[in-house]
């Protein structure tokens, strides 16, 4: 049986997903492109962190967190969804995983060191993404 949040995610992607976070931040026509305002980037990062938090609450650890794997809600641009679950691992509370899977540029420090990865390892990934968006 699927968890209620899992069903919410499925519904969200079928009906509400807009462009990826990466696309919005480089799309000059929307006025975000190069030199995107820090407030926009911060808002999207907050939304991305909330999306990761929901996934963590269901005991899933995404292995390929990067800007192109997040999408903006069509009706509410403040909502951000993780939209690529191709490399997501179910972990039990307190359990860890190790090794590098996914895109090296956005991998967590723990993944690069091939040491145990925890849910908090995703924060390192988010910092790498934030830095890449500000360049």
N, C-alpha and C. Protein backbone atom coordinates (compact mmCIF):
# COMPACT_ATOMS: atom_id res chain seq x y z
N UNK A 1 0.84 -1.19 0.00
CA UNK A 1 0.00 0.00 0.00
C UNK A 1 0.88 1.25 0.00
N UNK A 2 0.52 2.22 -0.81
CA UNK A 2 1.30 3.44 -0.90
C UNK A 2 0.97 4.37 0.26
N UNK A 3 1.99 5.05 0.73
CA UNK A 3 1.88 6.07 1.75
C UNK A 3 1.10 7.26 1.17
N UNK A 4 0.30 7.96 1.98
CA UNK A 4 -0.49 9.11 1.50
C UNK A 4 0.37 10.14 0.79
N UNK A 5 1.56 10.39 1.33
CA UNK A 5 2.45 11.38 0.71
C UNK A 5 2.91 10.90 -0.66
N UNK A 6 3.12 9.59 -0.81
CA UNK A 6 3.53 9.06 -2.11
C UNK A 6 2.44 9.31 -3.15
N UNK A 7 1.20 9.15 -2.75
CA UNK A 7 0.08 9.40 -3.67
C UNK A 7 0.03 10.88 -4.03
N UNK A 8 0.29 11.76 -3.05
CA UNK A 8 0.33 13.20 -3.31
C UNK A 8 1.39 13.51 -4.36
N UNK A 9 2.58 12.90 -4.22
CA UNK A 9 3.66 13.13 -5.17
C UNK A 9 3.23 12.71 -6.57
N UNK A 10 2.62 11.55 -6.68
CA UNK A 10 2.20 11.05 -7.99
C UNK A 10 1.20 12.02 -8.62
N UNK A 11 0.22 12.47 -7.85
CA UNK A 11 -0.77 13.41 -8.36
C UNK A 11 -0.10 14.71 -8.79
N UNK A 12 0.81 15.20 -7.98
CA UNK A 12 1.49 16.47 -8.27
C UNK A 12 2.19 16.42 -9.61
N UNK A 13 2.87 15.34 -9.89
CA UNK A 13 3.64 15.27 -11.12
C UNK A 13 2.76 15.09 -12.34
N UNK A 14 1.64 14.47 -12.19
CA UNK A 14 0.76 14.28 -13.34
C UNK A 14 0.08 15.58 -13.76
N UNK A 15 -0.19 16.46 -12.81
CA UNK A 15 -1.04 17.59 -13.12
C UNK A 15 -0.43 18.97 -12.90
N UNK A 16 0.59 19.11 -12.10
CA UNK A 16 1.00 20.44 -11.69
C UNK A 16 2.43 20.84 -12.03
N UNK A 17 3.22 19.95 -12.54
CA UNK A 17 4.63 20.25 -12.69
C UNK A 17 4.90 21.13 -13.89
N UNK A 18 5.68 22.18 -13.64
CA UNK A 18 6.12 23.09 -14.68
C UNK A 18 7.57 22.83 -15.03
N UNK A 19 8.29 23.87 -15.43
CA UNK A 19 9.68 23.72 -15.85
C UNK A 19 10.60 23.35 -14.69
N UNK A 20 11.76 22.81 -15.04
CA UNK A 20 12.72 22.42 -14.01
C UNK A 20 13.35 23.66 -13.38
N UNK A 21 13.87 23.49 -12.19
CA UNK A 21 14.57 24.56 -11.48
C UNK A 21 15.74 25.06 -12.33
N UNK A 22 16.46 24.15 -12.94
CA UNK A 22 17.60 24.54 -13.78
C UNK A 22 17.13 25.41 -14.95
N UNK A 23 16.05 25.02 -15.61
CA UNK A 23 15.53 25.77 -16.75
C UNK A 23 15.08 27.17 -16.34
N UNK A 24 14.36 27.27 -15.27
CA UNK A 24 13.86 28.58 -14.83
C UNK A 24 15.01 29.52 -14.51
N UNK A 25 16.06 29.00 -13.92
CA UNK A 25 17.16 29.87 -13.52
C UNK A 25 18.05 30.30 -14.68
N UNK A 26 17.92 29.64 -15.83
CA UNK A 26 18.71 30.08 -16.99
C UNK A 26 17.84 30.67 -18.09
N UNK A 27 16.54 30.74 -17.88
CA UNK A 27 15.60 31.23 -18.89
C UNK A 27 15.56 32.76 -18.87
N UNK A 28 16.26 33.37 -19.81
CA UNK A 28 16.37 34.83 -19.87
C UNK A 28 15.01 35.49 -20.15
N UNK A 29 14.14 34.84 -20.93
CA UNK A 29 12.86 35.43 -21.28
C UNK A 29 11.97 35.65 -20.06
N UNK A 30 12.11 34.81 -19.07
CA UNK A 30 11.30 34.97 -17.85
C UNK A 30 11.93 36.00 -16.91
N UNK A 31 13.10 36.49 -17.27
CA UNK A 31 13.75 37.50 -16.45
C UNK A 31 14.57 36.93 -15.31
N UNK A 32 14.74 35.60 -15.28
CA UNK A 32 15.52 35.02 -14.20
C UNK A 32 16.94 34.74 -14.66
N UNK A 33 17.11 34.19 -15.84
CA UNK A 33 18.39 33.85 -16.45
C UNK A 33 19.65 34.21 -15.69
N UNK A 34 20.65 34.63 -16.44
CA UNK A 34 21.94 34.96 -15.86
C UNK A 34 21.77 36.08 -14.84
N UNK A 35 22.38 35.91 -13.70
CA UNK A 35 22.27 36.90 -12.64
C UNK A 35 20.93 36.86 -11.94
N UNK A 36 20.33 35.69 -11.85
CA UNK A 36 19.04 35.57 -11.18
C UNK A 36 19.11 36.20 -9.79
N UNK A 37 18.05 36.87 -9.43
CA UNK A 37 18.02 37.54 -8.13
C UNK A 37 18.19 36.53 -7.01
N UNK A 38 18.98 36.91 -6.03
CA UNK A 38 19.24 36.02 -4.89
C UNK A 38 17.95 35.61 -4.20
N UNK A 39 16.96 36.51 -4.17
CA UNK A 39 15.70 36.17 -3.50
C UNK A 39 14.96 35.06 -4.24
N UNK A 40 15.05 35.05 -5.58
CA UNK A 40 14.43 33.97 -6.33
C UNK A 40 15.14 32.65 -6.05
N UNK A 41 16.47 32.70 -6.11
CA UNK A 41 17.25 31.49 -5.86
C UNK A 41 16.97 30.97 -4.46
N UNK A 42 16.95 31.87 -3.48
CA UNK A 42 16.70 31.45 -2.10
C UNK A 42 15.31 30.83 -1.96
N UNK A 43 14.33 31.40 -2.63
CA UNK A 43 12.97 30.85 -2.57
C UNK A 43 12.89 29.46 -3.17
N UNK A 44 13.56 29.27 -4.31
CA UNK A 44 13.56 27.95 -4.95
C UNK A 44 14.32 26.94 -4.09
N UNK A 45 15.41 27.37 -3.49
CA UNK A 45 16.18 26.46 -2.64
C UNK A 45 15.36 26.04 -1.43
N UNK A 46 14.61 26.99 -0.85
CA UNK A 46 13.73 26.64 0.28
C UNK A 46 12.71 25.60 -0.16
N UNK A 47 12.11 25.81 -1.32
CA UNK A 47 11.14 24.84 -1.84
C UNK A 47 11.77 23.48 -2.08
N UNK A 48 13.00 23.48 -2.60
CA UNK A 48 13.71 22.22 -2.86
C UNK A 48 14.01 21.50 -1.55
N UNK A 49 14.41 22.26 -0.52
CA UNK A 49 14.68 21.65 0.79
C UNK A 49 13.41 21.05 1.38
N UNK A 50 12.29 21.73 1.22
CA UNK A 50 11.02 21.19 1.72
C UNK A 50 10.64 19.91 0.98
N UNK A 51 10.90 19.87 -0.33
CA UNK A 51 10.62 18.66 -1.10
C UNK A 51 11.48 17.50 -0.61
N UNK A 52 12.76 17.78 -0.33
CA UNK A 52 13.65 16.73 0.19
C UNK A 52 13.21 16.28 1.58
N UNK A 53 12.79 17.25 2.40
CA UNK A 53 12.34 16.90 3.75
C UNK A 53 11.15 15.94 3.70
N UNK A 54 10.21 16.19 2.79
CA UNK A 54 9.05 15.29 2.67
C UNK A 54 9.49 13.90 2.26
N UNK A 55 10.44 13.82 1.35
CA UNK A 55 10.95 12.53 0.90
C UNK A 55 11.65 11.81 2.05
N UNK A 56 12.44 12.56 2.83
CA UNK A 56 13.12 11.98 3.99
C UNK A 56 12.13 11.46 5.02
N UNK A 57 11.03 12.17 5.21
CA UNK A 57 10.02 11.75 6.18
C UNK A 57 9.40 10.41 5.79
N UNK A 58 9.46 10.08 4.52
CA UNK A 58 8.94 8.79 4.05
C UNK A 58 10.07 7.75 3.99
N UNK A 59 11.24 8.11 4.54
CA UNK A 59 12.41 7.23 4.60
C UNK A 59 13.00 6.89 3.23
N UNK A 60 13.00 7.88 2.33
CA UNK A 60 13.66 7.73 1.04
C UNK A 60 14.86 8.66 0.99
N UNK A 61 15.94 8.18 0.37
CA UNK A 61 17.15 8.98 0.21
C UNK A 61 17.43 9.10 -1.29
N UNK A 62 17.24 10.30 -1.87
CA UNK A 62 17.52 10.47 -3.30
C UNK A 62 19.03 10.47 -3.53
N UNK A 63 19.47 9.84 -4.61
CA UNK A 63 20.89 9.72 -4.90
C UNK A 63 21.36 10.65 -6.01
N UNK A 64 20.46 11.38 -6.66
CA UNK A 64 20.85 12.24 -7.78
C UNK A 64 20.13 13.59 -7.67
N UNK A 65 20.46 14.33 -6.62
CA UNK A 65 19.83 15.62 -6.37
C UNK A 65 20.59 16.70 -7.15
N UNK A 66 19.89 17.34 -8.09
CA UNK A 66 20.49 18.41 -8.91
C UNK A 66 19.37 19.30 -9.44
N UNK A 67 19.69 20.52 -9.89
CA UNK A 67 18.65 21.46 -10.30
C UNK A 67 17.68 20.93 -11.36
N UNK A 68 18.16 20.14 -12.30
CA UNK A 68 17.27 19.65 -13.35
C UNK A 68 16.29 18.59 -12.85
N UNK A 69 16.48 18.11 -11.63
CA UNK A 69 15.58 17.10 -11.06
C UNK A 69 14.53 17.71 -10.13
N UNK A 70 14.40 19.03 -10.15
CA UNK A 70 13.35 19.72 -9.41
C UNK A 70 12.48 20.47 -10.40
N UNK A 71 11.19 20.53 -10.13
CA UNK A 71 10.27 21.25 -11.01
C UNK A 71 9.43 22.22 -10.18
N UNK A 72 9.04 23.30 -10.81
CA UNK A 72 8.25 24.34 -10.17
C UNK A 72 6.77 24.04 -10.42
N UNK A 73 5.94 24.24 -9.41
CA UNK A 73 4.49 24.06 -9.54
C UNK A 73 3.93 25.11 -10.51
N UNK A 74 3.10 24.68 -11.44
CA UNK A 74 2.52 25.61 -12.42
C UNK A 74 1.62 26.65 -11.78
N UNK A 75 0.89 26.26 -10.74
CA UNK A 75 -0.05 27.18 -10.10
C UNK A 75 0.56 28.00 -8.98
N UNK A 76 1.62 27.50 -8.37
CA UNK A 76 2.25 28.18 -7.25
C UNK A 76 3.76 28.05 -7.36
N UNK A 77 4.44 29.05 -7.97
CA UNK A 77 5.88 28.97 -8.19
C UNK A 77 6.71 28.84 -6.92
N UNK A 78 6.08 29.02 -5.75
CA UNK A 78 6.82 28.84 -4.51
C UNK A 78 6.96 27.37 -4.14
N UNK A 79 6.16 26.51 -4.79
CA UNK A 79 6.24 25.07 -4.53
C UNK A 79 7.21 24.44 -5.52
N UNK A 80 8.09 23.62 -4.97
CA UNK A 80 9.10 22.94 -5.78
C UNK A 80 8.97 21.45 -5.52
N UNK A 81 9.02 20.66 -6.59
CA UNK A 81 8.90 19.21 -6.47
C UNK A 81 10.16 18.52 -6.98
N UNK A 82 10.55 17.46 -6.32
CA UNK A 82 11.59 16.59 -6.84
C UNK A 82 10.91 15.74 -7.90
N UNK A 83 11.45 15.73 -9.12
CA UNK A 83 10.72 15.05 -10.20
C UNK A 83 11.46 13.89 -10.85
N UNK A 84 12.55 13.45 -10.27
CA UNK A 84 13.26 12.30 -10.82
C UNK A 84 13.56 11.34 -9.68
N UNK A 85 12.84 10.25 -9.67
CA UNK A 85 13.00 9.25 -8.62
C UNK A 85 13.75 8.02 -9.12
N UNK A 86 14.49 8.18 -10.22
CA UNK A 86 15.19 7.04 -10.81
C UNK A 86 16.24 6.43 -9.90
N UNK A 87 16.86 7.27 -9.08
CA UNK A 87 17.90 6.77 -8.18
C UNK A 87 17.55 7.19 -6.75
N UNK A 88 16.52 6.58 -6.21
CA UNK A 88 16.07 6.85 -4.84
C UNK A 88 16.11 5.55 -4.07
N UNK A 89 16.66 5.62 -2.87
CA UNK A 89 16.79 4.41 -2.06
C UNK A 89 15.91 4.51 -0.82
N UNK A 90 15.17 3.46 -0.54
CA UNK A 90 14.37 3.38 0.69
C UNK A 90 15.31 2.97 1.81
N UNK A 91 15.34 3.75 2.88
CA UNK A 91 16.18 3.42 4.02
C UNK A 91 15.34 3.41 5.29
N UNK A 92 15.73 2.57 6.20
CA UNK A 92 15.03 2.50 7.49
C UNK A 92 15.60 3.58 8.39
N UNK A 93 14.82 4.07 9.37
CA UNK A 93 15.33 5.08 10.29
C UNK A 93 16.66 4.65 10.90
N UNK A 94 17.64 5.54 10.83
CA UNK A 94 18.96 5.25 11.38
C UNK A 94 19.88 4.51 10.42
N UNK A 95 19.32 3.99 9.32
CA UNK A 95 20.11 3.25 8.34
C UNK A 95 20.89 4.23 7.45
N UNK A 96 21.99 3.77 6.88
CA UNK A 96 22.78 4.59 5.97
C UNK A 96 23.01 3.83 4.67
N UNK A 97 23.58 4.53 3.71
CA UNK A 97 23.98 3.92 2.45
C UNK A 97 25.38 4.41 2.14
N UNK A 98 26.08 3.79 1.22
CA UNK A 98 27.40 4.29 0.87
C UNK A 98 27.64 4.16 -0.62
N UNK A 99 28.68 4.84 -1.10
CA UNK A 99 29.02 4.81 -2.51
C UNK A 99 28.44 6.01 -3.24
N UNK A 100 28.93 6.21 -4.46
CA UNK A 100 28.49 7.34 -5.28
C UNK A 100 27.58 6.85 -6.39
N UNK A 101 26.38 7.38 -6.41
CA UNK A 101 25.43 7.11 -7.48
C UNK A 101 24.89 8.47 -7.90
N UNK A 102 24.79 8.73 -9.18
CA UNK A 102 24.24 10.00 -9.63
C UNK A 102 25.28 10.90 -10.25
N UNK A 103 25.01 12.20 -10.24
CA UNK A 103 25.86 13.19 -10.88
C UNK A 103 26.94 13.67 -9.93
N UNK A 104 28.19 13.44 -10.30
CA UNK A 104 29.32 13.75 -9.43
C UNK A 104 29.35 15.21 -8.99
N UNK A 105 29.05 16.13 -9.91
CA UNK A 105 29.09 17.56 -9.61
C UNK A 105 28.22 17.93 -8.41
N UNK A 106 27.09 17.25 -8.25
CA UNK A 106 26.15 17.58 -7.18
C UNK A 106 26.12 16.54 -6.07
N UNK A 107 27.09 15.66 -6.05
CA UNK A 107 27.14 14.61 -5.03
C UNK A 107 27.50 15.20 -3.67
N UNK A 108 27.04 14.56 -2.62
CA UNK A 108 27.38 15.01 -1.28
C UNK A 108 28.83 14.66 -0.97
N UNK A 109 29.38 15.33 0.01
CA UNK A 109 30.75 15.04 0.45
C UNK A 109 30.87 13.58 0.87
N UNK A 110 29.86 13.07 1.54
CA UNK A 110 29.89 11.67 1.99
C UNK A 110 29.91 10.71 0.80
N UNK A 111 29.14 11.03 -0.25
CA UNK A 111 29.10 10.16 -1.43
C UNK A 111 30.45 10.17 -2.14
N UNK A 112 31.05 11.36 -2.27
CA UNK A 112 32.35 11.46 -2.94
C UNK A 112 33.43 10.70 -2.18
N UNK A 113 33.33 10.72 -0.85
CA UNK A 113 34.31 10.01 -0.02
C UNK A 113 33.97 8.52 0.08
N UNK A 114 32.85 8.13 -0.51
CA UNK A 114 32.37 6.75 -0.48
C UNK A 114 32.24 6.24 0.96
N UNK A 115 31.73 7.14 1.81
CA UNK A 115 31.47 6.78 3.20
C UNK A 115 29.96 6.73 3.41
N UNK A 116 29.55 6.42 4.62
CA UNK A 116 28.13 6.32 4.93
C UNK A 116 27.42 7.63 4.62
N UNK A 117 26.22 7.52 4.04
CA UNK A 117 25.40 8.69 3.75
C UNK A 117 24.13 8.63 4.59
N UNK A 118 23.78 9.76 5.12
CA UNK A 118 22.60 9.90 5.94
C UNK A 118 21.65 10.86 5.24
N UNK A 119 20.48 11.06 5.80
CA UNK A 119 19.57 12.05 5.24
C UNK A 119 20.22 13.43 5.24
N UNK A 120 21.00 13.73 6.28
CA UNK A 120 21.64 15.05 6.35
C UNK A 120 22.69 15.24 5.26
N UNK A 121 23.13 14.17 4.63
CA UNK A 121 24.08 14.29 3.53
C UNK A 121 23.50 15.12 2.39
N UNK A 122 22.18 15.13 2.26
CA UNK A 122 21.53 15.92 1.20
C UNK A 122 21.78 17.41 1.38
N UNK A 123 22.04 17.86 2.60
CA UNK A 123 22.31 19.28 2.81
C UNK A 123 23.58 19.70 2.08
N UNK A 124 24.57 18.82 2.04
CA UNK A 124 25.79 19.11 1.29
C UNK A 124 25.50 19.23 -0.19
N UNK A 125 24.61 18.39 -0.68
CA UNK A 125 24.21 18.47 -2.09
C UNK A 125 23.54 19.81 -2.36
N UNK A 126 22.68 20.23 -1.46
CA UNK A 126 21.96 21.48 -1.65
C UNK A 126 22.93 22.66 -1.67
N UNK A 127 23.95 22.63 -0.84
CA UNK A 127 24.94 23.71 -0.84
C UNK A 127 25.66 23.76 -2.19
N UNK A 128 26.01 22.60 -2.73
CA UNK A 128 26.68 22.55 -4.04
C UNK A 128 25.76 23.12 -5.12
N UNK A 129 24.49 22.78 -5.07
CA UNK A 129 23.54 23.31 -6.06
C UNK A 129 23.41 24.82 -5.91
N UNK A 130 23.26 25.29 -4.68
CA UNK A 130 23.11 26.72 -4.43
C UNK A 130 24.30 27.49 -4.98
N UNK A 131 25.50 26.98 -4.71
CA UNK A 131 26.72 27.64 -5.21
C UNK A 131 26.75 27.67 -6.73
N UNK A 132 26.35 26.57 -7.36
CA UNK A 132 26.36 26.52 -8.83
C UNK A 132 25.36 27.51 -9.43
N UNK A 133 24.25 27.74 -8.76
CA UNK A 133 23.24 28.66 -9.27
C UNK A 133 23.64 30.11 -9.11
N UNK A 134 24.51 30.38 -8.16
CA UNK A 134 24.93 31.76 -7.89
C UNK A 134 26.11 32.20 -8.76
N UNK A 135 26.70 31.27 -9.47
CA UNK A 135 27.89 31.60 -10.29
C UNK A 135 27.48 32.30 -11.56
